[in-house]
Amino acid sequence: MTQYRRARRPYDEEPENHERWLISYADFITLLFAFFVVMYAISVVNTGKYKVFSDALGDAFGGAGAALTQNTEVQTTPQATPQAVRRRVMIAQEKVRMTKLAQDLLATMAPLVKEGKVRVTQDSRGVSVEINASVLFDPGEARLTEESREALQAVAVLLKDDPHAVQVEGHTDNQPIRNMYSSNWELSSIRAATVVRLFIESGVAPQRLTAVGHASNHPVADNNDPIGRARNRRVAITILSGVPDPETEIPTAAEGAEAAPAPVVAPVK
């Protein structure tokens, strides 16, 4: 029987398909499209739009979108803008720099810190070195003592190559002054300017420096007793942070009136 079997002719064989790669390519493109759609949906802050994209994916891929929503909806949080991310990085880097500066100042002023005559603090505004006036000046005077000049020159060495702005603030107690200075305003301002002049002489760039006199308007202790008044007589050297707080625009009166509800006034009986 085999001798009568018809031999297959060459044209009976199935021709080779040279376009089978299109099937794999189409699958790849579909998966790539789905990936970018999911990434876009996650990056969108509006959760309503995110749910719409997830539902669309669910319809296209047999319910996968609904499962994706259930698994990620709780974990998804509004994404920060690139500007906000950069600012957070800048704030973190600036905090590290300011902390290092605060530690250096604390080490430089260590003997006076132990005596309670100098305080080094740090906050969002910057690093502040608060020096009791008795360390720097004779009572009622604005000329630096020789001992204080050495301490301030050591501070100036740290500030010389530092890029931050420096604000020097003079403070007094509330007792009326009776000497060559007509008021505590004048005394506090001249004391601040005296420290600024020493910094300039020690190599700190003048454009980085500001002198401010507060008189007795910012006490840190009670002016009713001698110990409190002694604490209030001080000079504060603040190295200002290079990353200031963001500006907040104050609405105009008209905008405020539109935003705020009308007050309820109870009738007078």
C-alpha atoms as a PDB file:
ATOM      1  CA  MET A   1       0.000   0.000   0.000  1.00  0.00           C
ATOM      2  CA  THR A   2       2.827   2.346   0.736  1.00  0.00           C
ATOM      3  CA  GLN A   3       3.942   2.193  -2.847  1.00  0.00           C
ATOM      4  CA  TYR A   4       0.655   3.712  -3.911  1.00  0.00           C
ATOM      5  CA  ARG A   5       0.818   6.533  -1.269  1.00  0.00           C
ATOM      6  CA  ARG A   6       0.953   9.799  -3.006  1.00  0.00           C
ATOM      7  CA  ALA A   7       4.123  11.623  -2.291  1.00  0.00           C
ATOM      8  CA  ARG A   8       3.679  15.140  -0.920  1.00  0.00           C
ATOM      9  CA  ARG A   9       4.621  17.710  -3.399  1.00  0.00           C
ATOM     10  CA  PRO A  10       6.754  20.656  -2.387  1.00  0.00           C
ATOM     11  CA  TYR A  11       3.905  23.082  -2.856  1.00  0.00           C
ATOM     12  CA  ASP A  12       1.713  21.121  -0.344  1.00  0.00           C
ATOM     13  CA  GLU A  13       3.951  22.208   2.601  1.00  0.00           C
ATOM     14  CA  GLU A  14       2.845  25.242   4.627  1.00  0.00           C
ATOM     15  CA  PRO A  15       4.948  28.246   3.757  1.00  0.00           C
ATOM     16  CA  GLU A  16       7.133  29.685   6.541  1.00  0.00           C
ATOM     17  CA  ASN A  17       5.641  32.787   8.215  1.00  0.00           C
ATOM     18  CA  HIS A  18       8.270  35.500   8.333  1.00  0.00           C
ATOM     19  CA  GLU A  19       6.060  37.960  10.282  1.00  0.00           C
ATOM     20  CA  ARG A  20       5.620  36.011  13.508  1.00  0.00           C
ATOM     21  CA  TRP A  21       7.780  38.581  15.292  1.00  0.00           C
ATOM     22  CA  LEU A  22       4.915  41.063  14.938  1.00  0.00           C
ATOM     23  CA  ILE A  23       2.924  39.129  17.546  1.00  0.00           C
ATOM     24  CA  SER A  24       5.658  39.471  20.174  1.00  0.00           C
ATOM     25  CA  TYR A  25       6.270  43.070  19.187  1.00  0.00           C
ATOM     26  CA  ALA A  26       2.578  43.905  19.544  1.00  0.00           C
ATOM     27  CA  ASP A  27       2.479  42.287  22.992  1.00  0.00           C
ATOM     28  CA  PHE A  28       5.531  44.274  24.046  1.00  0.00           C
ATOM     29  CA  ILE A  29       4.040  47.561  22.836  1.00  0.00           C
ATOM     30  CA  THR A  30       0.781  46.814  24.653  1.00  0.00           C
ATOM     31  CA  LEU A  31       2.591  46.099  27.916  1.00  0.00           C
ATOM     32  CA  LEU A  32       4.769  49.191  27.512  1.00  0.00           C
ATOM     33  CA  PHE A  33       1.690  51.332  26.927  1.00  0.00           C
ATOM     34  CA  ALA A  34       0.022  49.867  30.008  1.00  0.00           C
ATOM     35  CA  PHE A  35       3.151  50.582  32.086  1.00  0.00           C
ATOM     36  CA  PHE A  36       3.259  54.250  31.119  1.00  0.00           C
ATOM     37  CA  VAL A  37      -0.455  54.658  31.695  1.00  0.00           C
ATOM     38  CA  VAL A  38      -0.072  53.223  35.197  1.00  0.00           C
ATOM     39  CA  MET A  39       2.929  55.471  35.929  1.00  0.00           C
ATOM     40  CA  TYR A  40       1.006  58.513  34.753  1.00  0.00           C
ATOM     41  CA  ALA A  41      -2.002  57.558  36.840  1.00  0.00           C
ATOM     42  CA  ILE A  42       0.146  57.200  39.969  1.00  0.00           C
ATOM     43  CA  SER A  43       1.788  60.592  39.422  1.00  0.00           C
ATOM     44  CA  VAL A  44      -1.520  62.424  39.133  1.00  0.00           C
ATOM     45  CA  VAL A  45      -2.508  64.124  42.393  1.00  0.00           C
ATOM     46  CA  ASN A  46      -6.224  63.997  41.587  1.00  0.00           C
ATOM     47  CA  THR A  47      -7.349  60.608  42.915  1.00  0.00           C
ATOM     48  CA  GLY A  48     -10.544  60.807  40.869  1.00  0.00           C
ATOM     49  CA  LYS A  49      -8.549  60.840  37.633  1.00  0.00           C
ATOM     50  CA  TYR A  50      -6.402  58.017  38.982  1.00  0.00           C
ATOM     51  CA  LYS A  51      -9.494  55.879  39.557  1.00  0.00           C
ATOM     52  CA  VAL A  52     -10.710  56.590  36.011  1.00  0.00           C
ATOM     53  CA  PHE A  53      -7.390  55.371  34.577  1.00  0.00           C
ATOM     54  CA  SER A  54      -7.424  52.289  36.799  1.00  0.00           C
ATOM     55  CA  ASP A  55     -10.967  51.414  35.755  1.00  0.00           C
ATOM     56  CA  ALA A  56      -9.995  51.850  32.110  1.00  0.00           C
ATOM     57  CA  LEU A  57      -7.094  49.488  32.594  1.00  0.00           C
ATOM     58  CA  GLY A  58      -9.422  47.042  34.276  1.00  0.00           C
ATOM     59  CA  ASP A  59     -11.723  47.008  31.276  1.00  0.00           C
ATOM     60  CA  ALA A  60      -8.810  46.558  28.885  1.00  0.00           C
ATOM     61  CA  PHE A  61      -6.939  43.881  30.852  1.00  0.00           C
ATOM     62  CA  GLY A  62      -9.685  41.812  32.416  1.00  0.00           C
ATOM     63  CA  GLY A  63     -10.179  43.498  35.782  1.00  0.00           C
ATOM     64  CA  ALA A  64      -6.507  44.165  36.560  1.00  0.00           C
ATOM     65  CA  GLY A  65      -7.195  47.877  37.007  1.00  0.00           C
ATOM     66  CA  ALA A  66      -9.667  47.336  39.824  1.00  0.00           C
ATOM     67  CA  ALA A  67      -7.163  45.155  41.684  1.00  0.00           C
ATOM     68  CA  LEU A  68      -4.499  47.824  41.164  1.00  0.00           C
ATOM     69  CA  THR A  69      -6.783  50.463  42.665  1.00  0.00           C
ATOM     70  CA  GLN A  70      -7.532  48.316  45.714  1.00  0.00           C
ATOM     71  CA  ASN A  71      -3.852  47.567  46.334  1.00  0.00           C
ATOM     72  CA  THR A  72      -2.489  51.084  45.897  1.00  0.00           C
ATOM     73  CA  GLU A  73      -5.284  53.490  46.772  1.00  0.00           C
ATOM     74  CA  VAL A  74      -4.417  53.570  50.468  1.00  0.00           C
ATOM     75  CA  GLN A  75      -0.673  53.940  49.827  1.00  0.00           C
ATOM     76  CA  THR A  76      -0.979  56.614  47.136  1.00  0.00           C
ATOM     77  CA  THR A  77      -0.265  60.120  48.401  1.00  0.00           C
ATOM     78  CA  PRO A  78      -0.181  63.421  46.526  1.00  0.00           C
ATOM     79  CA  GLN A  79       3.149  63.701  44.741  1.00  0.00           C
ATOM     80  CA  ALA A  80       5.323  66.706  45.499  1.00  0.00           C
ATOM     81  CA  THR A  81       6.162  69.029  42.649  1.00  0.00           C
ATOM     82  CA  PRO A  82       9.785  69.118  41.417  1.00  0.00           C
ATOM     83  CA  GLN A  83      10.148  72.591  42.950  1.00  0.00           C
ATOM     84  CA  ALA A  84       8.965  71.308  46.341  1.00  0.00           C
ATOM     85  CA  VAL A  85      11.342  68.342  46.190  1.00  0.00           C
ATOM     86  CA  ARG A  86      14.291  70.606  45.340  1.00  0.00           C
ATOM     87  CA  ARG A  87      13.383  72.919  48.210  1.00  0.00           C
ATOM     88  CA  ARG A  88      13.241  70.031  50.679  1.00  0.00           C
ATOM     89  CA  VAL A  89      16.695  68.920  49.567  1.00  0.00           C
ATOM     90  CA  MET A  90      18.024  72.475  49.896  1.00  0.00           C
ATOM     91  CA  ILE A  91      16.525  72.816  53.395  1.00  0.00           C
ATOM     92  CA  ALA A  92      18.061  69.515  54.490  1.00  0.00           C
ATOM     93  CA  GLN A  93      21.489  70.466  53.118  1.00  0.00           C
ATOM     94  CA  GLU A  94      21.301  73.913  54.693  1.00  0.00           C
ATOM     95  CA  LYS A  95      20.361  72.423  58.053  1.00  0.00           C
ATOM     96  CA  VAL A  96      23.467  70.236  57.953  1.00  0.00           C
ATOM     97  CA  ARG A  97      25.667  73.255  57.171  1.00  0.00           C
ATOM     98  CA  MET A  98      24.078  75.374  59.905  1.00  0.00           C
ATOM     99  CA  THR A  99      24.391  72.584  62.466  1.00  0.00           C
ATOM    100  CA  LYS A 100      28.099  72.253  61.665  1.00  0.00           C
ATOM    101  CA  LEU A 101      28.521  76.023  62.060  1.00  0.00           C
ATOM    102  CA  ALA A 102      26.662  75.964  65.382  1.00  0.00           C
ATOM    103  CA  GLN A 103      28.944  73.208  66.678  1.00  0.00           C
ATOM    104  CA  ASP A 104      32.048  75.151  65.627  1.00  0.00           C
ATOM    105  CA  LEU A 105      30.777  78.304  67.348  1.00  0.00           C
ATOM    106  CA  LEU A 106      29.933  76.326  70.457  1.00  0.00           C
ATOM    107  CA  ALA A 107      33.444  74.882  70.569  1.00  0.00           C
ATOM    108  CA  THR A 108      35.004  78.330  70.012  1.00  0.00           C
ATOM    109  CA  MET A 109      32.989  79.951  72.803  1.00  0.00           C
ATOM    110  CA  ALA A 110      33.135  76.904  75.105  1.00  0.00           C
ATOM    111  CA  PRO A 111      34.713  78.664  78.146  1.00  0.00           C
ATOM    112  CA  LEU A 112      32.106  81.458  78.108  1.00  0.00           C
ATOM    113  CA  VAL A 113      29.316  78.937  77.470  1.00  0.00           C
ATOM    114  CA  LYS A 114      30.327  77.019  80.611  1.00  0.00           C
ATOM    115  CA  GLU A 115      30.185  80.254  82.600  1.00  0.00           C
ATOM    116  CA  GLY A 116      26.653  80.927  81.335  1.00  0.00           C
ATOM    117  CA  LYS A 117      27.676  84.133  79.559  1.00  0.00           C
ATOM    118  CA  VAL A 118      27.154  82.847  76.015  1.00  0.00           C
ATOM    119  CA  ARG A 119      24.289  80.836  74.496  1.00  0.00           C
ATOM    120  CA  VAL A 120      24.389  79.196  71.057  1.00  0.00           C
ATOM    121  CA  THR A 121      20.990  78.286  69.605  1.00  0.00           C
ATOM    122  CA  GLN A 122      19.688  77.117  66.247  1.00  0.00           C
ATOM    123  CA  ASP A 123      16.254  77.425  64.649  1.00  0.00           C
ATOM    124  CA  SER A 124      14.703  77.866  61.199  1.00  0.00           C
ATOM    125  CA  ARG A 125      15.993  81.441  61.095  1.00  0.00           C
ATOM    126  CA  GLY A 126      19.606  80.405  61.541  1.00  0.00           C
ATOM    127  CA  VAL A 127      22.256  80.112  64.271  1.00  0.00           C
ATOM    128  CA  SER A 128      22.364  82.701  67.042  1.00  0.00           C
ATOM    129  CA  VAL A 129      25.216  83.465  69.440  1.00  0.00           C
ATOM    130  CA  GLU A 130      23.894  85.457  72.388  1.00  0.00           C
ATOM    131  CA  ILE A 131      26.654  87.153  74.385  1.00  0.00           C
ATOM    132  CA  ASN A 132      26.095  88.869  77.702  1.00  0.00           C
ATOM    133  CA  ALA A 133      26.989  92.551  77.464  1.00  0.00           C
ATOM    134  CA  SER A 134      29.207  92.283  80.536  1.00  0.00           C
ATOM    135  CA  VAL A 135      31.566  90.112  78.487  1.00  0.00           C
ATOM    136  CA  LEU A 136      31.897  92.754  75.767  1.00  0.00           C
ATOM    137  CA  PHE A 137      31.476  96.184  77.344  1.00  0.00           C
ATOM    138  CA  ASP A 138      31.866  98.073  80.560  1.00  0.00           C
ATOM    139  CA  PRO A 139      28.561  99.268  82.058  1.00  0.00           C
ATOM    140  CA  GLY A 140      26.959 101.962  79.923  1.00  0.00           C
ATOM    141  CA  GLU A 141      29.816 101.872  77.402  1.00  0.00           C
ATOM    142  CA  ALA A 142      30.032 100.828  73.735  1.00  0.00           C
ATOM    143  CA  ARG A 143      33.781 100.256  73.501  1.00  0.00           C
ATOM    144  CA  LEU A 144      34.840  96.609  73.411  1.00  0.00           C
ATOM    145  CA  THR A 145      37.123  95.346  76.160  1.00  0.00           C
ATOM    146  CA  GLU A 146      40.386  93.685  75.179  1.00  0.00           C
ATOM    147  CA  GLU A 147      39.179  90.257  76.376  1.00  0.00           C
ATOM    148  CA  SER A 148      35.991  90.540  74.329  1.00  0.00           C
ATOM    149  CA  ARG A 149      37.908  91.459  71.204  1.00  0.00           C
ATOM    150  CA  GLU A 150      39.759  88.145  71.331  1.00  0.00           C
ATOM    151  CA  ALA A 151      36.501  86.200  71.664  1.00  0.00           C
ATOM    152  CA  LEU A 152      34.823  88.092  68.828  1.00  0.00           C
ATOM    153  CA  GLN A 153      37.864  87.723  66.578  1.00  0.00           C
ATOM    154  CA  ALA A 154      37.646  83.949  67.066  1.00  0.00           C
ATOM    155  CA  VAL A 155      34.011  84.129  65.926  1.00  0.00           C
ATOM    156  CA  ALA A 156      35.049  86.282  62.965  1.00  0.00           C
ATOM    157  CA  VAL A 157      37.532  83.602  61.858  1.00  0.00           C
ATOM    158  CA  LEU A 158      34.637  81.150  61.504  1.00  0.00           C
ATOM    159  CA  LEU A 159      32.451  83.683  59.710  1.00  0.00           C
ATOM    160  CA  LYS A 160      35.118  85.037  57.376  1.00  0.00           C
ATOM    161  CA  ASP A 161      34.770  82.342  54.704  1.00  0.00           C
ATOM    162  CA  ASP A 162      31.138  81.518  55.454  1.00  0.00           C
ATOM    163  CA  PRO A 163      28.664  82.805  52.816  1.00  0.00           C
ATOM    164  CA  HIS A 164      25.716  83.518  55.116  1.00  0.00           C
ATOM    165  CA  ALA A 165      24.430  86.956  56.051  1.00  0.00           C
ATOM    166  CA  VAL A 166      25.081  88.024  59.650  1.00  0.00           C
ATOM    167  CA  GLN A 167      22.833  90.249  61.744  1.00  0.00           C
ATOM    168  CA  VAL A 168      24.184  91.775  64.961  1.00  0.00           C
ATOM    169  CA  GLU A 169      21.531  92.951  67.432  1.00  0.00           C
ATOM    170  CA  GLY A 170      22.118  95.103  70.502  1.00  0.00           C
ATOM    171  CA  HIS A 171      19.827  94.835  73.539  1.00  0.00           C
ATOM    172  CA  THR A 172      19.639  96.724  76.844  1.00  0.00           C
ATOM    173  CA  ASP A 173      17.568  96.587  80.017  1.00  0.00           C
ATOM    174  CA  ASN A 174      14.777  99.073  80.718  1.00  0.00           C
ATOM    175  CA  GLN A 175      16.726 101.330  83.054  1.00  0.00           C
ATOM    176  CA  PRO A 176      17.138 104.935  81.839  1.00  0.00           C
ATOM    177  CA  ILE A 177      20.664 105.689  80.768  1.00  0.00           C
ATOM    178  CA  ARG A 178      22.547 108.676  82.197  1.00  0.00           C
ATOM    179  CA  ASN A 179      25.775 109.236  80.291  1.00  0.00           C
ATOM    180  CA  MET A 180      26.970 110.384  76.893  1.00  0.00           C
ATOM    181  CA  TYR A 181      24.273 108.318  75.140  1.00  0.00           C
ATOM    182  CA  SER A 182      20.859 109.934  75.060  1.00  0.00           C
ATOM    183  CA  SER A 183      18.854 106.680  75.216  1.00  0.00           C
ATOM    184  CA  ASN A 184      19.011 102.904  75.279  1.00  0.00           C
ATOM    185  CA  TRP A 185      18.183 102.983  71.582  1.00  0.00           C
ATOM    186  CA  GLU A 186      21.426 104.769  70.865  1.00  0.00           C
ATOM    187  CA  LEU A 187      23.466 102.576  73.194  1.00  0.00           C
ATOM    188  CA  SER A 188      22.123  99.292  71.751  1.00  0.00           C
ATOM    189  CA  SER A 189      22.631 100.479  68.167  1.00  0.00           C
ATOM    190  CA  ILE A 190      26.205 101.652  68.756  1.00  0.00           C
ATOM    191  CA  ARG A 191      27.111  98.414  70.533  1.00  0.00           C
ATOM    192  CA  ALA A 192      25.831  96.405  67.567  1.00  0.00           C
ATOM    193  CA  ALA A 193      27.728  98.650  65.160  1.00  0.00           C
ATOM    194  CA  THR A 194      30.901  98.250  67.237  1.00  0.00           C
ATOM    195  CA  VAL A 195      30.749  94.459  66.880  1.00  0.00           C
ATOM    196  CA  VAL A 196      30.084  94.818  63.146  1.00  0.00           C
ATOM    197  CA  ARG A 197      33.126  97.071  62.779  1.00  0.00           C
ATOM    198  CA  LEU A 198      35.335  94.484  64.499  1.00  0.00           C
ATOM    199  CA  PHE A 199      34.042  91.775  62.144  1.00  0.00           C
ATOM    200  CA  ILE A 200      34.853  93.951  59.142  1.00  0.00           C
ATOM    201  CA  GLU A 201      38.343  94.599  60.494  1.00  0.00           C
ATOM    202  CA  SER A 202      38.729  90.826  60.924  1.00  0.00           C
ATOM    203  CA  GLY A 203      37.943  90.120  57.269  1.00  0.00           C
ATOM    204  CA  VAL A 204      34.168  89.507  57.194  1.00  0.00           C
ATOM    205  CA  ALA A 205      32.642  91.031  54.037  1.00  0.00           C
ATOM    206  CA  PRO A 206      30.759  94.256  54.925  1.00  0.00           C
ATOM    207  CA  GLN A 207      27.858  93.463  52.598  1.00  0.00           C
ATOM    208  CA  ARG A 208      27.043  90.410  54.699  1.00  0.00           C
ATOM    209  CA  LEU A 209      26.668  92.395  57.922  1.00  0.00           C
ATOM    210  CA  THR A 210      23.768  94.287  59.480  1.00  0.00           C
ATOM    211  CA  ALA A 211      23.667  96.174  62.795  1.00  0.00           C
ATOM    212  CA  VAL A 212      20.354  96.554  64.636  1.00  0.00           C
ATOM    213  CA  GLY A 213      19.524  98.225  67.958  1.00  0.00           C
ATOM    214  CA  HIS A 214      16.488  97.020  69.916  1.00  0.00           C
ATOM    215  CA  ALA A 215      16.961  98.947  73.180  1.00  0.00           C
ATOM    216  CA  SER A 216      14.889  97.166  75.879  1.00  0.00           C
ATOM    217  CA  ASN A 217      12.058  95.996  73.625  1.00  0.00           C
ATOM    218  CA  HIS A 218      13.013  92.289  73.425  1.00  0.00           C
ATOM    219  CA  PRO A 219      13.796  91.146  76.968  1.00  0.00           C
ATOM    220  CA  VAL A 220      14.624  87.511  77.688  1.00  0.00           C
ATOM    221  CA  ALA A 221      14.221  87.890  81.447  1.00  0.00           C
ATOM    222  CA  ASP A 222      12.340  89.993  83.987  1.00  0.00           C
ATOM    223  CA  ASN A 223      13.598  93.569  84.206  1.00  0.00           C
ATOM    224  CA  ASN A 224      12.289  93.893  87.760  1.00  0.00           C
ATOM    225  CA  ASP A 225      15.350  92.256  89.334  1.00  0.00           C
ATOM    226  CA  PRO A 226      19.103  92.756  88.797  1.00  0.00           C
ATOM    227  CA  ILE A 227      19.703  89.223  87.502  1.00  0.00           C
ATOM    228  CA  GLY A 228      17.023  89.609  84.840  1.00  0.00           C
ATOM    229  CA  ARG A 229      18.314  93.017  83.784  1.00  0.00           C
ATOM    230  CA  ALA A 230      21.832  91.601  83.469  1.00  0.00           C
ATOM    231  CA  ARG A 231      20.533  88.905  81.119  1.00  0.00           C
ATOM    232  CA  ASN A 232      18.691  91.445  79.011  1.00  0.00           C
ATOM    233  CA  ARG A 233      21.872  93.448  78.419  1.00  0.00           C
ATOM    234  CA  ARG A 234      23.281  91.401  75.552  1.00  0.00           C
ATOM    235  CA  VAL A 235      24.431  91.264  71.949  1.00  0.00           C
ATOM    236  CA  ALA A 236      23.002  88.606  69.636  1.00  0.00           C
ATOM    237  CA  ILE A 237      24.952  87.553  66.540  1.00  0.00           C
ATOM    238  CA  THR A 238      22.644  85.680  64.165  1.00  0.00           C
ATOM    239  CA  ILE A 239      23.981  83.831  61.133  1.00  0.00           C
ATOM    240  CA  LEU A 240      20.935  83.811  58.872  1.00  0.00           C
ATOM    241  CA  SER A 241      19.918  80.678  57.011  1.00  0.00           C
ATOM    242  CA  GLY A 242      20.531  80.739  53.278  1.00  0.00           C
ATOM    243  CA  VAL A 243      17.156  79.055  52.619  1.00  0.00           C
ATOM    244  CA  PRO A 244      14.532  81.517  53.850  1.00  0.00           C
ATOM    245  CA  ASP A 245      10.909  80.625  54.429  1.00  0.00           C
ATOM    246  CA  PRO A 246       8.795  80.850  51.280  1.00  0.00           C
ATOM    247  CA  GLU A 247       7.005  84.107  50.681  1.00  0.00           C
ATOM    248  CA  THR A 248       3.267  84.211  51.362  1.00  0.00           C
ATOM    249  CA  GLU A 249       1.274  86.745  49.429  1.00  0.00           C
ATOM    250  CA  ILE A 250      -1.190  88.651  51.595  1.00  0.00           C
ATOM    251  CA  PRO A 251      -4.602  88.960  49.912  1.00  0.00           C
ATOM    252  CA  THR A 252      -6.026  92.421  49.300  1.00  0.00           C
ATOM    253  CA  ALA A 253      -8.956  93.707  51.295  1.00  0.00           C
ATOM    254  CA  ALA A 254     -11.316  92.886  48.429  1.00  0.00           C
ATOM    255  CA  GLU A 255      -9.980  89.328  48.095  1.00  0.00           C
ATOM    256  CA  GLY A 256     -10.187  88.837  51.832  1.00  0.00           C
ATOM    257  CA  ALA A 257     -13.765  90.041  51.874  1.00  0.00           C
ATOM    258  CA  GLU A 258     -14.697  87.540  49.168  1.00  0.00           C
ATOM    259  CA  ALA A 259     -12.992  84.656  50.927  1.00  0.00           C
ATOM    260  CA  ALA A 260     -14.136  85.348  54.479  1.00  0.00           C
ATOM    261  CA  PRO A 261     -17.786  84.825  55.478  1.00  0.00           C
ATOM    262  CA  ALA A 262     -19.710  87.787  56.797  1.00  0.00           C
ATOM    263  CA  PRO A 263     -19.495  88.033  60.605  1.00  0.00           C
ATOM    264  CA  VAL A 264     -22.608  87.336  62.616  1.00  0.00           C
ATOM    265  CA  VAL A 265     -23.435  90.260  64.903  1.00  0.00           C
ATOM    266  CA  ALA A 266     -25.796  89.612  67.772  1.00  0.00           C
ATOM    267  CA  PRO A 267     -28.328  92.374  68.422  1.00  0.00           C
ATOM    268  CA  VAL A 268     -27.726  94.492  71.474  1.00  0.00           C
ATOM    269  CA  LYS A 269     -30.492  94.069  74.055  1.00  0.00           C
END
